[in-house]
Amino acid sequence: MAWSSTGCVHSGGCMTEGLRWQITKAVRASDLPAPAKLVMLVLADVAEVGTAEIPEKFTPSLRVLARETGLGEATVKRHLKALVDAGWIERTVPDGKAQGRMERTRYRLLLPGLSTDRGSERTGVQSEPPRGSERSGPGLTVIPTGAQSEPPDTDHPDQGQTEDRSLVLPRADVEHICRHLAARIEGNGSKRPNVTKRWRDSARLLLDRDGRTVEQVVKAIDWCQTDTFWRANILSMPTLREKYDQLRLAAQRKNGTNGHKPSTTDQRVAAAMALAEKFAEKETT
């Protein structure tokens, strides 16, 4: 897998001052897949401003990267390797003894095709260290840009898993409804949930298989997160999809928008529910 750095323009003579800012700007302007951009930006958050190196105390594990990006560990691992191969990341992997001392993989962010040595002038040619060369300090082996070796994984990803090498870009409609639900849940005082693959799969099925529109889903999210009963029960996208028809019918009963005049029974039920909500609100206040 190889990615180009289309859209990244850098002038010669640029020093390492503010290198992290230059890299994040280049990432945003690049043609990298969205998950790869996300991995780079999460790493950039903890990188040094001048050198774009990540200090050892801030080096994230594979599990942390997966949590911060909302991606699966196997997906993060695949994109990290592709970013190394494309020249965006220099990865330093501890050897067996260093792993025994619980040392982690180290990262330095790069501008593809440009030297990142401190104080050196950018010539447009990336100098690569010899394969297997040692960086200062025991137990560290540099994997240069373009190296194909896979790092040892200290975060226990699924062993023997066959990975799908095709990288699928996130869908804007799926991301929109997932983030909207997460924001509404957070707005109700709960911890903002992570948008995971399971969330995205449920959102995609809700749109594609169930035939809901984005507008319909957004309205359902707004209604359920406003309702005192449903907002305590709809705390994830999979649950929203599972309960969607119940939400729709409940909203129709309350709003009297089921296409005909509400029956006397429906009116009594709606009045009883409204009264129960008022008592519940008084108890909470």
Protein backbone atom coordinates (compact mmCIF):
# COMPACT_ATOMS: atom_id res chain seq x y z
CA MET A 1 0.00 0.00 0.00
CA ALA A 2 1.39 3.41 -0.86
CA TRP A 3 -0.01 6.88 -0.59
CA SER A 4 1.22 10.03 -2.28
CA SER A 5 1.33 13.44 -0.63
CA THR A 6 -0.72 15.23 -3.29
CA GLY A 7 -1.60 18.73 -2.24
CA CYS A 8 1.38 19.16 0.10
CA VAL A 9 3.66 21.99 -1.00
CA HIS A 10 6.75 22.85 1.01
CA SER A 11 9.44 25.40 0.28
CA GLY A 12 13.13 24.72 0.56
CA GLY A 13 15.10 26.01 3.51
CA CYS A 14 12.29 25.39 6.01
CA MET A 15 13.66 24.67 9.50
CA THR A 16 12.12 22.48 12.23
CA GLU A 17 10.56 25.45 14.04
CA GLY A 18 6.84 24.66 14.12
CA LEU A 19 7.33 21.37 12.29
CA ARG A 20 4.28 19.85 13.96
CA TRP A 21 2.12 22.65 12.59
CA GLN A 22 3.58 22.17 9.09
CA ILE A 23 2.84 18.44 9.24
CA THR A 24 -0.76 18.84 10.41
CA LYS A 25 -1.33 21.40 7.66
CA ALA A 26 0.14 18.98 5.10
CA VAL A 27 -2.00 16.11 6.40
CA ARG A 28 -5.19 18.15 5.98
CA ALA A 29 -4.22 19.10 2.42
CA SER A 30 -3.15 15.56 1.45
CA ASP A 31 -5.06 12.82 -0.32
CA LEU A 32 -4.66 10.41 2.61
CA PRO A 33 -7.75 8.34 3.46
CA ALA A 34 -9.79 9.82 6.29
CA PRO A 35 -8.80 7.13 8.87
CA ALA A 36 -5.10 7.73 8.13
CA LYS A 37 -5.56 11.50 8.57
CA LEU A 38 -7.27 10.82 11.88
CA VAL A 39 -4.37 8.66 13.10
CA MET A 40 -1.86 11.35 12.09
CA LEU A 41 -3.79 14.16 13.80
CA VAL A 42 -4.18 12.17 17.01
CA LEU A 43 -0.42 11.52 17.05
CA ALA A 44 0.24 15.18 16.28
CA ASP A 45 -1.69 16.19 19.41
CA VAL A 46 1.08 14.73 21.61
CA ALA A 47 4.09 15.49 19.37
CA GLU A 48 6.71 18.14 20.15
CA VAL A 49 6.06 21.42 18.34
CA GLY A 50 9.58 21.88 16.93
CA THR A 51 10.62 18.30 16.11
CA ALA A 52 7.30 16.47 15.72
CA GLU A 53 8.71 13.69 17.91
CA ILE A 54 6.42 12.14 20.52
CA PRO A 55 8.00 12.10 24.00
CA GLU A 56 8.20 8.69 25.62
CA LYS A 57 5.80 9.61 28.43
CA PHE A 58 3.13 10.61 25.87
CA THR A 59 3.64 7.72 23.44
CA PRO A 60 0.20 6.15 22.86
CA SER A 61 -0.29 2.40 22.73
CA LEU A 62 -2.21 0.75 19.92
CA ARG A 63 -5.20 0.43 22.22
CA VAL A 64 -5.10 4.13 23.10
CA LEU A 65 -4.86 5.10 19.42
CA ALA A 66 -7.89 2.92 18.68
CA ARG A 67 -9.88 4.56 21.46
CA GLU A 68 -8.89 8.11 20.51
CA THR A 69 -9.65 7.62 16.81
CA GLY A 70 -12.75 5.46 17.22
CA LEU A 71 -11.21 2.90 14.86
CA GLY A 72 -10.52 -0.79 15.43
CA GLU A 73 -7.04 -1.81 16.54
CA ALA A 74 -6.45 -3.80 13.35
CA THR A 75 -7.46 -0.74 11.28
CA VAL A 76 -5.12 1.54 13.24
CA LYS A 77 -2.28 -0.95 12.83
CA ARG A 78 -2.87 -1.18 9.07
CA HIS A 79 -2.90 2.60 8.61
CA LEU A 80 0.20 3.06 10.78
CA LYS A 81 2.13 0.67 8.54
CA ALA A 82 0.89 2.45 5.42
CA LEU A 83 1.88 5.84 6.89
CA VAL A 84 5.38 4.49 7.62
CA ASP A 85 5.67 3.11 4.09
CA ALA A 86 4.51 6.44 2.62
CA GLY A 87 7.03 8.47 4.62
CA TRP A 88 4.68 10.21 7.04
CA ILE A 89 5.93 8.42 10.18
CA GLU A 90 9.25 7.12 11.45
CA ARG A 91 8.58 4.29 13.83
CA THR A 92 11.09 3.02 16.39
CA VAL A 93 10.34 -0.45 17.69
CA PRO A 94 11.91 -1.78 20.93
CA ASP A 95 13.76 -5.09 20.68
CA GLY A 96 13.00 -8.12 22.83
CA LYS A 97 14.90 -6.90 25.90
CA ALA A 98 13.37 -3.43 25.67
CA GLN A 99 9.91 -4.94 25.39
CA GLY A 100 10.65 -6.85 28.57
CA ARG A 101 11.26 -3.46 30.22
CA MET A 102 7.78 -2.42 28.99
CA GLU A 103 9.20 0.08 26.50
CA ARG A 104 6.78 1.10 23.77
CA THR A 105 7.02 1.79 20.08
CA ARG A 106 8.12 5.41 19.48
CA TYR A 107 6.93 7.72 16.71
CA ARG A 108 8.24 10.77 14.89
CA LEU A 109 6.03 12.52 12.34
CA LEU A 110 7.56 13.42 8.98
CA LEU A 111 6.91 15.39 5.83
CA PRO A 112 7.22 12.82 3.02
CA GLY A 113 10.32 13.31 0.87
CA LEU A 114 11.86 15.92 3.16
CA SER A 115 14.62 15.62 5.74
CA THR A 116 13.54 16.19 9.35
CA ASP A 117 16.99 16.31 10.98
CA ARG A 118 17.23 19.11 13.52
CA GLY A 119 18.51 22.33 11.93
CA SER A 120 19.12 20.78 8.51
CA GLU A 121 17.94 22.40 5.30
CA ARG A 122 15.16 20.63 3.42
CA THR A 123 16.42 19.44 0.06
CA GLY A 124 13.37 17.48 -1.10
CA VAL A 125 15.22 14.16 -0.71
CA GLN A 126 14.56 11.93 2.28
CA SER A 127 17.74 10.35 3.60
CA GLU A 128 17.07 6.87 4.93
CA PRO A 129 19.13 5.22 7.67
CA PRO A 130 20.44 1.74 6.90
CA ARG A 131 17.93 -1.02 7.56
CA GLY A 132 18.32 -2.32 11.10
CA SER A 133 20.51 0.58 12.25
CA GLU A 134 20.49 1.45 15.94
CA ARG A 135 19.34 4.77 17.35
CA SER A 136 21.13 6.10 20.43
CA GLY A 137 19.96 4.20 23.48
CA PRO A 138 19.84 0.43 24.04
CA GLY A 139 17.15 -1.77 22.68
CA LEU A 140 15.81 0.52 19.92
CA THR A 141 15.80 -0.37 16.25
CA VAL A 142 14.77 2.25 13.68
CA ILE A 143 12.38 1.15 10.96
CA PRO A 144 13.14 3.61 8.14
CA THR A 145 10.59 4.99 5.72
CA GLY A 146 9.72 2.29 3.20
CA ALA A 147 10.63 -0.61 5.49
CA GLN A 148 8.17 -3.47 5.27
CA SER A 149 8.74 -5.18 8.60
CA GLU A 150 5.74 -5.29 10.92
CA PRO A 151 6.22 -4.06 14.49
CA PRO A 152 5.69 -6.40 17.41
CA ASP A 153 2.33 -5.69 18.92
CA THR A 154 2.26 -5.18 22.68
CA ASP A 155 -1.46 -4.45 22.77
CA HIS A 156 -2.68 -7.95 21.93
CA PRO A 157 -4.57 -7.45 18.65
CA ASP A 158 -6.46 -10.39 17.22
CA GLN A 159 -3.88 -12.98 16.28
CA GLY A 160 -4.15 -14.64 12.90
CA GLN A 161 -6.79 -12.21 11.75
CA THR A 162 -7.11 -11.86 7.99
CA GLU A 163 -7.30 -8.14 7.31
CA ASP A 164 -9.22 -6.59 4.45
CA ARG A 165 -6.65 -4.49 2.65
CA SER A 166 -9.23 -2.31 0.95
CA LEU A 167 -9.62 0.94 2.86
CA VAL A 168 -13.17 2.29 2.80
CA LEU A 169 -13.59 6.03 3.35
CA PRO A 170 -16.18 7.01 5.97
CA ARG A 171 -19.56 8.07 4.58
CA ALA A 172 -20.58 11.64 5.36
CA ASP A 173 -24.22 10.71 6.04
CA VAL A 174 -23.24 7.91 8.42
CA GLU A 175 -20.74 10.14 10.26
CA HIS A 176 -23.31 12.93 10.51
CA ILE A 177 -26.00 10.93 12.27
CA CYS A 178 -23.48 9.14 14.52
CA ARG A 179 -21.92 12.41 15.68
CA HIS A 180 -25.35 13.99 16.11
CA LEU A 181 -26.49 11.22 18.43
CA ALA A 182 -23.21 11.35 20.38
CA ALA A 183 -23.55 15.13 20.77
CA ARG A 184 -27.16 14.91 21.96
CA ILE A 185 -26.27 12.19 24.50
CA GLU A 186 -23.43 14.38 25.79
CA GLY A 187 -25.79 17.37 25.89
CA ASN A 188 -28.04 15.45 28.27
CA GLY A 189 -25.19 15.20 30.78
CA SER A 190 -23.86 11.76 29.92
CA LYS A 191 -20.29 10.97 28.89
CA ARG A 192 -19.87 11.41 25.15
CA PRO A 193 -19.83 7.92 23.63
CA ASN A 194 -17.19 6.80 21.15
CA VAL A 195 -18.34 6.41 17.58
CA THR A 196 -17.22 2.85 16.90
CA LYS A 197 -17.42 0.53 13.92
CA ARG A 198 -20.55 -1.00 15.43
CA TRP A 199 -22.14 2.46 15.54
CA ARG A 200 -21.25 3.11 11.90
CA ASP A 201 -22.52 -0.30 10.79
CA SER A 202 -25.86 0.30 12.52
CA ALA A 203 -26.16 3.78 11.03
CA ARG A 204 -25.39 2.45 7.55
CA LEU A 205 -28.00 -0.29 7.88
CA LEU A 206 -30.54 2.18 9.22
CA LEU A 207 -30.09 4.27 6.08
CA ASP A 208 -29.51 1.60 3.44
CA ARG A 209 -31.43 -1.46 4.56
CA ASP A 210 -34.21 0.15 6.62
CA GLY A 211 -34.73 2.95 4.11
CA ARG A 212 -34.58 5.86 6.55
CA THR A 213 -33.39 9.27 5.41
CA VAL A 214 -30.82 11.35 7.25
CA GLU A 215 -33.51 13.91 8.05
CA GLN A 216 -35.78 11.25 9.53
CA VAL A 217 -32.98 9.81 11.66
CA VAL A 218 -31.92 13.23 12.92
CA LYS A 219 -35.51 14.03 13.90
CA ALA A 220 -35.79 10.67 15.68
CA ILE A 221 -32.56 11.41 17.56
CA ASP A 222 -33.77 14.87 18.59
CA TRP A 223 -37.13 13.51 19.72
CA CYS A 224 -35.80 10.60 21.75
CA GLN A 225 -33.09 12.69 23.39
CA THR A 226 -35.71 15.25 24.42
CA ASP A 227 -38.15 12.67 25.80
CA THR A 228 -37.49 11.96 29.47
CA PHE A 229 -38.11 8.24 29.09
CA TRP A 230 -36.37 7.47 25.81
CA ARG A 231 -33.22 9.54 26.38
CA ALA A 232 -32.33 7.22 29.25
CA ASN A 233 -32.74 4.19 27.00
CA ILE A 234 -31.29 5.30 23.66
CA LEU A 235 -27.58 5.67 24.39
CA SER A 236 -26.09 4.12 21.25
CA MET A 237 -26.67 3.89 17.51
CA PRO A 238 -27.35 0.11 17.58
CA THR A 239 -30.11 0.70 20.17
CA LEU A 240 -31.53 3.56 18.12
CA ARG A 241 -31.85 1.28 15.10
CA GLU A 242 -33.38 -1.53 17.16
CA LYS A 243 -35.98 0.76 18.74
CA TYR A 244 -36.58 3.03 15.76
CA ASP A 245 -40.13 1.83 14.99
CA GLN A 246 -41.12 2.05 18.65
CA LEU A 247 -39.78 5.60 18.75
CA ARG A 248 -41.67 6.51 15.60
CA LEU A 249 -44.96 5.18 16.96
CA ALA A 250 -44.43 6.80 20.35
CA ALA A 251 -43.72 10.14 18.70
CA GLN A 252 -46.86 9.82 16.56
CA ARG A 253 -48.98 9.08 19.63
CA LYS A 254 -47.63 12.08 21.49
CA ASN A 255 -47.82 14.46 18.56
CA GLY A 256 -51.04 13.12 17.03
CA THR A 257 -49.34 12.87 13.61
CA ASN A 258 -50.28 9.32 12.65
CA GLY A 259 -52.42 10.46 9.73
CA HIS A 260 -55.79 10.58 11.51
CA LYS A 261 -57.41 12.10 14.54
CA PRO A 262 -56.12 10.42 17.71
CA SER A 263 -58.60 8.04 19.29
CA THR A 264 -60.01 8.66 22.74
CA THR A 265 -57.78 5.91 24.09
CA ASP A 266 -54.69 7.48 22.49
CA GLN A 267 -55.62 10.85 23.95
CA ARG A 268 -56.01 9.35 27.41
CA VAL A 269 -52.70 7.51 27.14
CA ALA A 270 -50.96 10.69 25.95
CA ALA A 271 -52.49 12.66 28.83
CA ALA A 272 -51.41 10.03 31.34
CA MET A 273 -47.87 10.00 29.97
CA ALA A 274 -47.71 13.79 30.07
CA LEU A 275 -48.91 13.78 33.67
CA ALA A 276 -46.34 11.16 34.60
CA GLU A 277 -43.60 13.26 33.01
CA LYS A 278 -44.68 16.31 35.02
CA PHE A 279 -44.50 14.33 38.26
CA ALA A 280 -41.08 12.97 37.24
CA GLU A 281 -39.80 16.48 36.51
CA LYS A 282 -41.05 17.73 39.89
CA GLU A 283 -39.31 14.87 41.67
CA THR A 284 -36.01 15.62 39.92
CA THR A 285 -36.25 19.33 40.78
